[in-house]
Amino acid sequence: MASATGIPEQRLGDDRVRSAGLAQDETEPLLGRPGDAAQHQGASFFGNLVLGTGLIAEVAVILLFILVWVSVLTNPLILFSGHPLAQSFAILLLLQSILTLQPTHTAEQKRAGQWIHASLNLVALATLIAGVTIIEYNKVASHGVHFHSVHGYLGVITSVVLLLQYFVGFTMWATPSLYGGVDKAKSIWKYHRYSGYVVLVLLLATVNSATQTPYNENVLKIKLWATLVLSVLILVGVFPRIQKQKLGFKPATQ
């Protein structure tokens, strides 16, 4: 398809990529054209949140956050109310950390993006711990039964995987000597990225399973179809922006 200038649009896209100082095969996402999910030189990190399909994920996670908070705050508040409030806020923060870092590709962008990514993750971790503490205290105080639902099991599995993800990610970034030096630490970054996307899927599965708990069925009444649709939209927005070379795929020959 030709543009108004008579130059094919694909060629224009390639020119934009080159003018931004990007190598075509270094910015190729899983879906879309090279450069579609790459942060341009000098661009704000805020723009990364809605770059390409990121807009879909950003809108979906905000709607999920609003859905949970409105459902909780329009009912009488109890101690347990803090659990869904905290966990939904943590998921909102975690997605911001993913969307911010995904489009980075230059050394300068990656360094700055990692600081933002790590900061958001630390706040999200503190929020998740608060949410888990609330539910555990509530169960102990009320002599409630542990692990009586799919949501409970998924919550524990996700928490363990997430803690491992935090530990490995932080130590690779802050103390690479634990892995034999910077170069060796960088060589396993791709596994950290793989597991990060697995954690995202687990978190969304945990949210969906929460709709089948007695508290939601009797109090919040959030519909499973609503959380499923929003979860799919989040993944639709995130996964196409994954840059192949960051997961260890060799760039395609031109």
C-alpha atoms as a PDB file:
ATOM      1  CA  MET A   1       0.000   0.000   0.000  1.00  0.00           C
ATOM      2  CA  ALA A   2       1.419   3.378  -1.002  1.00  0.00           C
ATOM      3  CA  SER A   3       1.389   6.547   1.067  1.00  0.00           C
ATOM      4  CA  ALA A   4       0.448  10.023  -0.111  1.00  0.00           C
ATOM      5  CA  THR A   5       4.073  10.569  -1.108  1.00  0.00           C
ATOM      6  CA  GLY A   6       4.084   7.546  -3.379  1.00  0.00           C
ATOM      7  CA  ILE A   7       6.518   5.691  -1.079  1.00  0.00           C
ATOM      8  CA  PRO A   8       5.266   2.350   0.256  1.00  0.00           C
ATOM      9  CA  GLU A   9       4.153   2.552   3.896  1.00  0.00           C
ATOM     10  CA  GLN A  10       6.449  -0.321   4.897  1.00  0.00           C
ATOM     11  CA  ARG A  11       9.416   1.662   3.580  1.00  0.00           C
ATOM     12  CA  LEU A  12       8.271   4.712   5.535  1.00  0.00           C
ATOM     13  CA  GLY A  13       8.042   2.563   8.663  1.00  0.00           C
ATOM     14  CA  ASP A  14      11.560   1.283   8.105  1.00  0.00           C
ATOM     15  CA  ASP A  15      12.811   4.846   7.593  1.00  0.00           C
ATOM     16  CA  ARG A  16      11.236   5.930  10.869  1.00  0.00           C
ATOM     17  CA  VAL A  17      12.944   3.064  12.632  1.00  0.00           C
ATOM     18  CA  ARG A  18      16.327   3.963  11.134  1.00  0.00           C
ATOM     19  CA  SER A  19      15.858   7.682  11.823  1.00  0.00           C
ATOM     20  CA  ALA A  20      15.301   6.867  15.491  1.00  0.00           C
ATOM     21  CA  GLY A  21      18.660   5.126  15.561  1.00  0.00           C
ATOM     22  CA  LEU A  22      17.154   1.636  15.776  1.00  0.00           C
ATOM     23  CA  ALA A  23      18.255  -1.444  13.914  1.00  0.00           C
ATOM     24  CA  GLN A  24      15.219  -3.081  12.302  1.00  0.00           C
ATOM     25  CA  ASP A  25      15.936  -6.585  13.558  1.00  0.00           C
ATOM     26  CA  GLU A  26      16.592  -5.307  17.092  1.00  0.00           C
ATOM     27  CA  THR A  27      13.102  -3.872  17.624  1.00  0.00           C
ATOM     28  CA  GLU A  28      10.930  -6.519  16.024  1.00  0.00           C
ATOM     29  CA  PRO A  29       8.052  -7.460  18.352  1.00  0.00           C
ATOM     30  CA  LEU A  30       6.278 -10.796  18.270  1.00  0.00           C
ATOM     31  CA  LEU A  31       3.494  -9.165  16.266  1.00  0.00           C
ATOM     32  CA  GLY A  32       3.565  -6.038  14.139  1.00  0.00           C
ATOM     33  CA  ARG A  33       6.333  -4.350  12.212  1.00  0.00           C
ATOM     34  CA  PRO A  34       9.866  -3.644  13.434  1.00  0.00           C
ATOM     35  CA  GLY A  35       9.811  -0.491  15.539  1.00  0.00           C
ATOM     36  CA  ASP A  36       6.128  -0.721  16.469  1.00  0.00           C
ATOM     37  CA  ALA A  37       6.954  -1.367  20.118  1.00  0.00           C
ATOM     38  CA  ALA A  38      10.253   0.495  20.406  1.00  0.00           C
ATOM     39  CA  GLN A  39      10.761   3.634  22.466  1.00  0.00           C
ATOM     40  CA  HIS A  40      12.106   6.456  20.308  1.00  0.00           C
ATOM     41  CA  GLN A  41      15.139   8.464  21.306  1.00  0.00           C
ATOM     42  CA  GLY A  42      14.237  11.210  23.784  1.00  0.00           C
ATOM     43  CA  ALA A  43      10.644   9.991  24.160  1.00  0.00           C
ATOM     44  CA  SER A  44       9.026  10.024  27.604  1.00  0.00           C
ATOM     45  CA  PHE A  45       8.660   6.779  29.496  1.00  0.00           C
ATOM     46  CA  PHE A  46       5.014   7.678  30.032  1.00  0.00           C
ATOM     47  CA  GLY A  47       4.527   7.145  26.318  1.00  0.00           C
ATOM     48  CA  ASN A  48       5.653   3.532  26.717  1.00  0.00           C
ATOM     49  CA  LEU A  49       2.467   2.794  28.653  1.00  0.00           C
ATOM     50  CA  VAL A  50       0.295   3.294  25.578  1.00  0.00           C
ATOM     51  CA  LEU A  51       2.778   2.542  22.804  1.00  0.00           C
ATOM     52  CA  GLY A  52       1.344   0.206  20.158  1.00  0.00           C
ATOM     53  CA  THR A  53      -0.979  -2.359  21.698  1.00  0.00           C
ATOM     54  CA  GLY A  54       0.020  -1.133  25.175  1.00  0.00           C
ATOM     55  CA  LEU A  55      -3.008   1.148  25.089  1.00  0.00           C
ATOM     56  CA  ILE A  56      -5.280  -1.913  25.130  1.00  0.00           C
ATOM     57  CA  ALA A  57      -3.562  -3.329  28.209  1.00  0.00           C
ATOM     58  CA  GLU A  58      -3.510   0.033  29.985  1.00  0.00           C
ATOM     59  CA  VAL A  59      -7.226   0.659  29.497  1.00  0.00           C
ATOM     60  CA  ALA A  60      -8.081  -2.924  30.494  1.00  0.00           C
ATOM     61  CA  VAL A  61      -6.080  -2.908  33.733  1.00  0.00           C
ATOM     62  CA  ILE A  62      -7.521   0.480  34.743  1.00  0.00           C
ATOM     63  CA  LEU A  63     -11.041  -0.862  34.141  1.00  0.00           C
ATOM     64  CA  LEU A  64     -10.195  -3.975  36.191  1.00  0.00           C
ATOM     65  CA  PHE A  65      -8.880  -1.780  39.003  1.00  0.00           C
ATOM     66  CA  ILE A  66     -12.012   0.395  38.930  1.00  0.00           C
ATOM     67  CA  LEU A  67     -14.277  -2.668  38.831  1.00  0.00           C
ATOM     68  CA  VAL A  68     -12.725  -4.125  41.980  1.00  0.00           C
ATOM     69  CA  TRP A  69     -12.529  -0.867  43.911  1.00  0.00           C
ATOM     70  CA  VAL A  70     -16.084   0.216  43.094  1.00  0.00           C
ATOM     71  CA  SER A  71     -17.396  -3.233  44.043  1.00  0.00           C
ATOM     72  CA  VAL A  72     -15.567  -3.125  47.386  1.00  0.00           C
ATOM     73  CA  LEU A  73     -16.238   0.500  48.298  1.00  0.00           C
ATOM     74  CA  THR A  74     -19.965   0.296  47.551  1.00  0.00           C
ATOM     75  CA  ASN A  75     -20.313  -2.394  50.224  1.00  0.00           C
ATOM     76  CA  PRO A  76     -19.782  -2.137  53.998  1.00  0.00           C
ATOM     77  CA  LEU A  77     -16.038  -2.089  54.651  1.00  0.00           C
ATOM     78  CA  ILE A  78     -14.543  -4.799  56.812  1.00  0.00           C
ATOM     79  CA  LEU A  79     -10.967  -5.886  57.470  1.00  0.00           C
ATOM     80  CA  PHE A  80     -11.113  -8.345  54.572  1.00  0.00           C
ATOM     81  CA  SER A  81     -11.991  -5.486  52.199  1.00  0.00           C
ATOM     82  CA  GLY A  82      -8.345  -4.463  52.250  1.00  0.00           C
ATOM     83  CA  HIS A  83      -7.327  -7.697  50.500  1.00  0.00           C
ATOM     84  CA  PRO A  84      -8.952  -7.130  47.086  1.00  0.00           C
ATOM     85  CA  LEU A  85      -8.151  -3.406  47.277  1.00  0.00           C
ATOM     86  CA  ALA A  86      -4.458  -4.068  47.879  1.00  0.00           C
ATOM     87  CA  GLN A  87      -4.096  -6.894  45.362  1.00  0.00           C
ATOM     88  CA  SER A  88      -5.843  -5.026  42.537  1.00  0.00           C
ATOM     89  CA  PHE A  89      -3.669  -1.953  43.166  1.00  0.00           C
ATOM     90  CA  ALA A  90      -0.551  -4.149  43.083  1.00  0.00           C
ATOM     91  CA  ILE A  91      -1.581  -5.633  39.730  1.00  0.00           C
ATOM     92  CA  LEU A  92      -2.109  -2.118  38.378  1.00  0.00           C
ATOM     93  CA  LEU A  93       1.427  -1.167  39.471  1.00  0.00           C
ATOM     94  CA  LEU A  94       2.981  -4.363  38.132  1.00  0.00           C
ATOM     95  CA  LEU A  95       1.498  -3.807  34.706  1.00  0.00           C
ATOM     96  CA  GLN A  96       2.867  -0.257  34.656  1.00  0.00           C
ATOM     97  CA  SER A  97       6.319  -1.686  35.393  1.00  0.00           C
ATOM     98  CA  ILE A  98       6.014  -4.133  32.479  1.00  0.00           C
ATOM     99  CA  LEU A  99       4.666  -1.610  29.992  1.00  0.00           C
ATOM    100  CA  THR A 100       7.347   0.919  30.949  1.00  0.00           C
ATOM    101  CA  LEU A 101      10.288  -1.422  30.406  1.00  0.00           C
ATOM    102  CA  GLN A 102       9.082  -3.417  27.395  1.00  0.00           C
ATOM    103  CA  PRO A 103       9.818  -0.865  24.612  1.00  0.00           C
ATOM    104  CA  THR A 104      13.321   0.079  25.847  1.00  0.00           C
ATOM    105  CA  HIS A 105      16.199  -1.032  23.618  1.00  0.00           C
ATOM    106  CA  THR A 106      19.197   1.283  24.023  1.00  0.00           C
ATOM    107  CA  ALA A 107      21.556   0.985  26.993  1.00  0.00           C
ATOM    108  CA  GLU A 108      20.465   4.379  28.352  1.00  0.00           C
ATOM    109  CA  GLN A 109      16.773   3.556  28.040  1.00  0.00           C
ATOM    110  CA  LYS A 110      17.245   0.161  29.666  1.00  0.00           C
ATOM    111  CA  ARG A 111      19.080   1.637  32.663  1.00  0.00           C
ATOM    112  CA  ALA A 112      16.415   4.261  33.281  1.00  0.00           C
ATOM    113  CA  GLY A 113      13.636   1.773  32.579  1.00  0.00           C
ATOM    114  CA  GLN A 114      15.089  -0.716  35.051  1.00  0.00           C
ATOM    115  CA  TRP A 115      15.028   1.909  37.811  1.00  0.00           C
ATOM    116  CA  ILE A 116      11.367   2.650  37.112  1.00  0.00           C
ATOM    117  CA  HIS A 117      10.597  -1.066  36.776  1.00  0.00           C
ATOM    118  CA  ALA A 118      12.323  -1.915  40.064  1.00  0.00           C
ATOM    119  CA  SER A 119      10.724   0.996  41.958  1.00  0.00           C
ATOM    120  CA  LEU A 120       7.197   0.119  40.839  1.00  0.00           C
ATOM    121  CA  ASN A 121       7.817  -3.543  41.609  1.00  0.00           C
ATOM    122  CA  LEU A 122       8.992  -2.786  45.131  1.00  0.00           C
ATOM    123  CA  VAL A 123       5.861  -0.736  45.857  1.00  0.00           C
ATOM    124  CA  ALA A 124       3.725  -3.489  44.312  1.00  0.00           C
ATOM    125  CA  LEU A 125       5.490  -6.105  46.448  1.00  0.00           C
ATOM    126  CA  ALA A 126       4.795  -4.140  49.619  1.00  0.00           C
ATOM    127  CA  THR A 127       1.147  -3.828  48.575  1.00  0.00           C
ATOM    128  CA  LEU A 128       0.869  -7.545  47.813  1.00  0.00           C
ATOM    129  CA  ILE A 129       2.399  -8.427  51.188  1.00  0.00           C
ATOM    130  CA  ALA A 130      -0.123  -6.126  52.879  1.00  0.00           C
ATOM    131  CA  GLY A 131      -2.971  -7.859  51.041  1.00  0.00           C
ATOM    132  CA  VAL A 132      -1.733 -11.329  51.987  1.00  0.00           C
ATOM    133  CA  THR A 133      -1.205 -10.238  55.600  1.00  0.00           C
ATOM    134  CA  ILE A 134      -4.775  -9.005  55.798  1.00  0.00           C
ATOM    135  CA  ILE A 135      -6.275 -12.270  54.584  1.00  0.00           C
ATOM    136  CA  GLU A 136      -4.014 -14.395  56.806  1.00  0.00           C
ATOM    137  CA  TYR A 137      -4.806 -12.320  59.893  1.00  0.00           C
ATOM    138  CA  ASN A 138      -8.491 -12.488  59.048  1.00  0.00           C
ATOM    139  CA  LYS A 139      -8.384 -16.278  58.732  1.00  0.00           C
ATOM    140  CA  VAL A 140      -6.494 -16.728  61.993  1.00  0.00           C
ATOM    141  CA  ALA A 141      -8.778 -14.311  63.873  1.00  0.00           C
ATOM    142  CA  SER A 142     -11.941 -15.979  62.557  1.00  0.00           C
ATOM    143  CA  HIS A 143     -10.514 -19.528  62.667  1.00  0.00           C
ATOM    144  CA  GLY A 144     -11.112 -19.809  58.961  1.00  0.00           C
ATOM    145  CA  VAL A 145     -10.060 -22.752  56.811  1.00  0.00           C
ATOM    146  CA  HIS A 146      -6.952 -22.371  54.654  1.00  0.00           C
ATOM    147  CA  PHE A 147      -6.657 -23.694  51.094  1.00  0.00           C
ATOM    148  CA  HIS A 148     -10.330 -24.485  50.589  1.00  0.00           C
ATOM    149  CA  SER A 149     -10.624 -22.951  47.118  1.00  0.00           C
ATOM    150  CA  VAL A 150      -8.863 -22.756  43.757  1.00  0.00           C
ATOM    151  CA  HIS A 151      -8.261 -19.085  44.507  1.00  0.00           C
ATOM    152  CA  GLY A 152      -6.375 -19.969  47.687  1.00  0.00           C
ATOM    153  CA  TYR A 153      -4.102 -22.461  45.946  1.00  0.00           C
ATOM    154  CA  LEU A 154      -3.451 -20.130  43.028  1.00  0.00           C
ATOM    155  CA  GLY A 155      -2.709 -17.309  45.448  1.00  0.00           C
ATOM    156  CA  VAL A 156      -0.033 -19.337  47.235  1.00  0.00           C
ATOM    157  CA  ILE A 157       1.539 -20.596  43.992  1.00  0.00           C
ATOM    158  CA  THR A 158       1.586 -17.105  42.518  1.00  0.00           C
ATOM    159  CA  SER A 159       3.060 -15.618  45.696  1.00  0.00           C
ATOM    160  CA  VAL A 160       5.927 -18.132  45.754  1.00  0.00           C
ATOM    161  CA  VAL A 161       6.737 -17.671  42.059  1.00  0.00           C
ATOM    162  CA  LEU A 162       6.495 -13.906  42.439  1.00  0.00           C
ATOM    163  CA  LEU A 163       8.889 -13.835  45.397  1.00  0.00           C
ATOM    164  CA  LEU A 164      11.421 -15.896  43.433  1.00  0.00           C
ATOM    165  CA  GLN A 165      10.963 -13.527  40.500  1.00  0.00           C
ATOM    166  CA  TYR A 166      11.628 -10.522  42.723  1.00  0.00           C
ATOM    167  CA  PHE A 167      14.695 -12.114  44.319  1.00  0.00           C
ATOM    168  CA  VAL A 168      16.329 -13.172  41.056  1.00  0.00           C
ATOM    169  CA  GLY A 169      15.482  -9.934  39.269  1.00  0.00           C
ATOM    170  CA  PHE A 170      16.754  -7.721  42.075  1.00  0.00           C
ATOM    171  CA  THR A 171      19.966  -9.660  42.658  1.00  0.00           C
ATOM    172  CA  MET A 172      20.779  -9.819  38.931  1.00  0.00           C
ATOM    173  CA  TRP A 173      20.387  -6.049  38.779  1.00  0.00           C
ATOM    174  CA  ALA A 174      21.941  -5.052  42.125  1.00  0.00           C
ATOM    175  CA  THR A 175      24.495  -7.811  42.800  1.00  0.00           C
ATOM    176  CA  PRO A 176      25.401  -9.518  39.496  1.00  0.00           C
ATOM    177  CA  SER A 177      28.486 -11.003  41.174  1.00  0.00           C
ATOM    178  CA  LEU A 178      26.169 -13.669  42.634  1.00  0.00           C
ATOM    179  CA  TYR A 179      25.788 -14.989  39.087  1.00  0.00           C
ATOM    180  CA  GLY A 180      29.455 -14.803  38.157  1.00  0.00           C
ATOM    181  CA  GLY A 181      29.573 -11.225  36.942  1.00  0.00           C
ATOM    182  CA  VAL A 182      27.616  -8.767  34.816  1.00  0.00           C
ATOM    183  CA  ASP A 183      27.936 -10.699  31.546  1.00  0.00           C
ATOM    184  CA  LYS A 184      26.669 -13.954  33.042  1.00  0.00           C
ATOM    185  CA  ALA A 185      23.858 -12.124  34.816  1.00  0.00           C
ATOM    186  CA  LYS A 186      22.819 -10.530  31.515  1.00  0.00           C
ATOM    187  CA  SER A 187      22.829 -13.938  29.830  1.00  0.00           C
ATOM    188  CA  ILE A 188      20.006 -15.154  32.078  1.00  0.00           C
ATOM    189  CA  TRP A 189      17.887 -12.010  31.850  1.00  0.00           C
ATOM    190  CA  LYS A 190      15.760 -13.713  29.191  1.00  0.00           C
ATOM    191  CA  TYR A 191      14.637 -16.316  31.740  1.00  0.00           C
ATOM    192  CA  HIS A 192      13.651 -13.537  34.122  1.00  0.00           C
ATOM    193  CA  ARG A 193      11.552 -12.043  31.328  1.00  0.00           C
ATOM    194  CA  TYR A 194       9.935 -15.386  30.498  1.00  0.00           C
ATOM    195  CA  SER A 195       8.995 -15.959  34.124  1.00  0.00           C
ATOM    196  CA  GLY A 196       7.707 -12.387  34.399  1.00  0.00           C
ATOM    197  CA  TYR A 197       5.106 -13.067  31.729  1.00  0.00           C
ATOM    198  CA  VAL A 198       4.220 -16.354  33.433  1.00  0.00           C
ATOM    199  CA  VAL A 199       3.675 -14.419  36.686  1.00  0.00           C
ATOM    200  CA  LEU A 200       1.363 -12.004  34.872  1.00  0.00           C
ATOM    201  CA  VAL A 201      -0.769 -14.905  33.628  1.00  0.00           C
ATOM    202  CA  LEU A 202      -0.826 -16.433  37.131  1.00  0.00           C
ATOM    203  CA  LEU A 203      -1.898 -13.119  38.679  1.00  0.00           C
ATOM    204  CA  LEU A 204      -4.767 -12.751  36.216  1.00  0.00           C
ATOM    205  CA  ALA A 205      -5.800 -16.382  36.786  1.00  0.00           C
ATOM    206  CA  THR A 206      -5.848 -15.679  40.526  1.00  0.00           C
ATOM    207  CA  VAL A 207      -8.065 -12.639  39.985  1.00  0.00           C
ATOM    208  CA  ASN A 208     -10.502 -14.656  37.898  1.00  0.00           C
ATOM    209  CA  SER A 209     -10.612 -17.468  40.443  1.00  0.00           C
ATOM    210  CA  ALA A 210     -11.498 -14.904  43.125  1.00  0.00           C
ATOM    211  CA  THR A 211     -14.891 -14.397  41.447  1.00  0.00           C
ATOM    212  CA  GLN A 212     -15.778 -17.965  42.493  1.00  0.00           C
ATOM    213  CA  THR A 213     -15.174 -17.396  46.214  1.00  0.00           C
ATOM    214  CA  PRO A 214     -18.044 -16.994  48.710  1.00  0.00           C
ATOM    215  CA  TYR A 215     -17.000 -13.398  49.518  1.00  0.00           C
ATOM    216  CA  ASN A 216     -17.410 -12.353  45.906  1.00  0.00           C
ATOM    217  CA  GLU A 217     -20.522 -14.407  45.260  1.00  0.00           C
ATOM    218  CA  ASN A 218     -22.266 -13.057  48.368  1.00  0.00           C
ATOM    219  CA  VAL A 219     -20.850  -9.534  48.659  1.00  0.00           C
ATOM    220  CA  LEU A 220     -18.918  -8.114  45.707  1.00  0.00           C
ATOM    221  CA  LYS A 221     -20.790  -9.995  42.957  1.00  0.00           C
ATOM    222  CA  ILE A 222     -18.116  -9.333  40.312  1.00  0.00           C
ATOM    223  CA  LYS A 223     -18.912 -11.388  37.222  1.00  0.00           C
ATOM    224  CA  LEU A 224     -16.385 -13.911  35.928  1.00  0.00           C
ATOM    225  CA  TRP A 225     -17.032 -12.900  32.321  1.00  0.00           C
ATOM    226  CA  ALA A 226     -16.020  -9.309  33.137  1.00  0.00           C
ATOM    227  CA  THR A 227     -12.666 -10.239  34.678  1.00  0.00           C
ATOM    228  CA  LEU A 228     -12.015 -12.778  31.900  1.00  0.00           C
ATOM    229  CA  VAL A 229     -12.585 -10.219  29.158  1.00  0.00           C
ATOM    230  CA  LEU A 230     -10.360  -7.649  30.854  1.00  0.00           C
ATOM    231  CA  SER A 231      -7.654 -10.263  31.517  1.00  0.00           C
ATOM    232  CA  VAL A 232      -7.621 -11.310  27.853  1.00  0.00           C
ATOM    233  CA  LEU A 233      -7.386  -7.665  26.785  1.00  0.00           C
ATOM    234  CA  ILE A 234      -4.433  -7.136  29.135  1.00  0.00           C
ATOM    235  CA  LEU A 235      -2.589 -10.077  27.566  1.00  0.00           C
ATOM    236  CA  VAL A 236      -3.555  -8.938  24.063  1.00  0.00           C
ATOM    237  CA  GLY A 237      -1.994  -5.580  24.868  1.00  0.00           C
ATOM    238  CA  VAL A 238       1.179  -6.937  26.483  1.00  0.00           C
ATOM    239  CA  PHE A 239       2.249  -9.990  24.512  1.00  0.00           C
ATOM    240  CA  PRO A 240       2.484  -8.488  20.991  1.00  0.00           C
ATOM    241  CA  ARG A 241       4.966  -5.884  22.316  1.00  0.00           C
ATOM    242  CA  ILE A 242       7.478  -8.502  23.462  1.00  0.00           C
ATOM    243  CA  GLN A 243      10.730  -7.895  21.578  1.00  0.00           C
ATOM    244  CA  LYS A 244      12.032 -11.177  20.200  1.00  0.00           C
ATOM    245  CA  GLN A 245      15.705 -10.606  20.886  1.00  0.00           C
ATOM    246  CA  LYS A 246      14.989  -9.931  24.583  1.00  0.00           C
ATOM    247  CA  LEU A 247      13.776 -13.511  24.870  1.00  0.00           C
ATOM    248  CA  GLY A 248      16.829 -14.894  23.137  1.00  0.00           C
ATOM    249  CA  PHE A 249      15.400 -15.248  19.627  1.00  0.00           C
ATOM    250  CA  LYS A 250      17.894 -14.611  16.873  1.00  0.00           C
ATOM    251  CA  PRO A 251      16.979 -11.638  14.641  1.00  0.00           C
ATOM    252  CA  ALA A 252      15.597 -12.531  11.272  1.00  0.00           C
ATOM    253  CA  THR A 253      17.915 -12.060   8.298  1.00  0.00           C
ATOM    254  CA  GLN A 254      16.991  -9.222   6.007  1.00  0.00           C
END
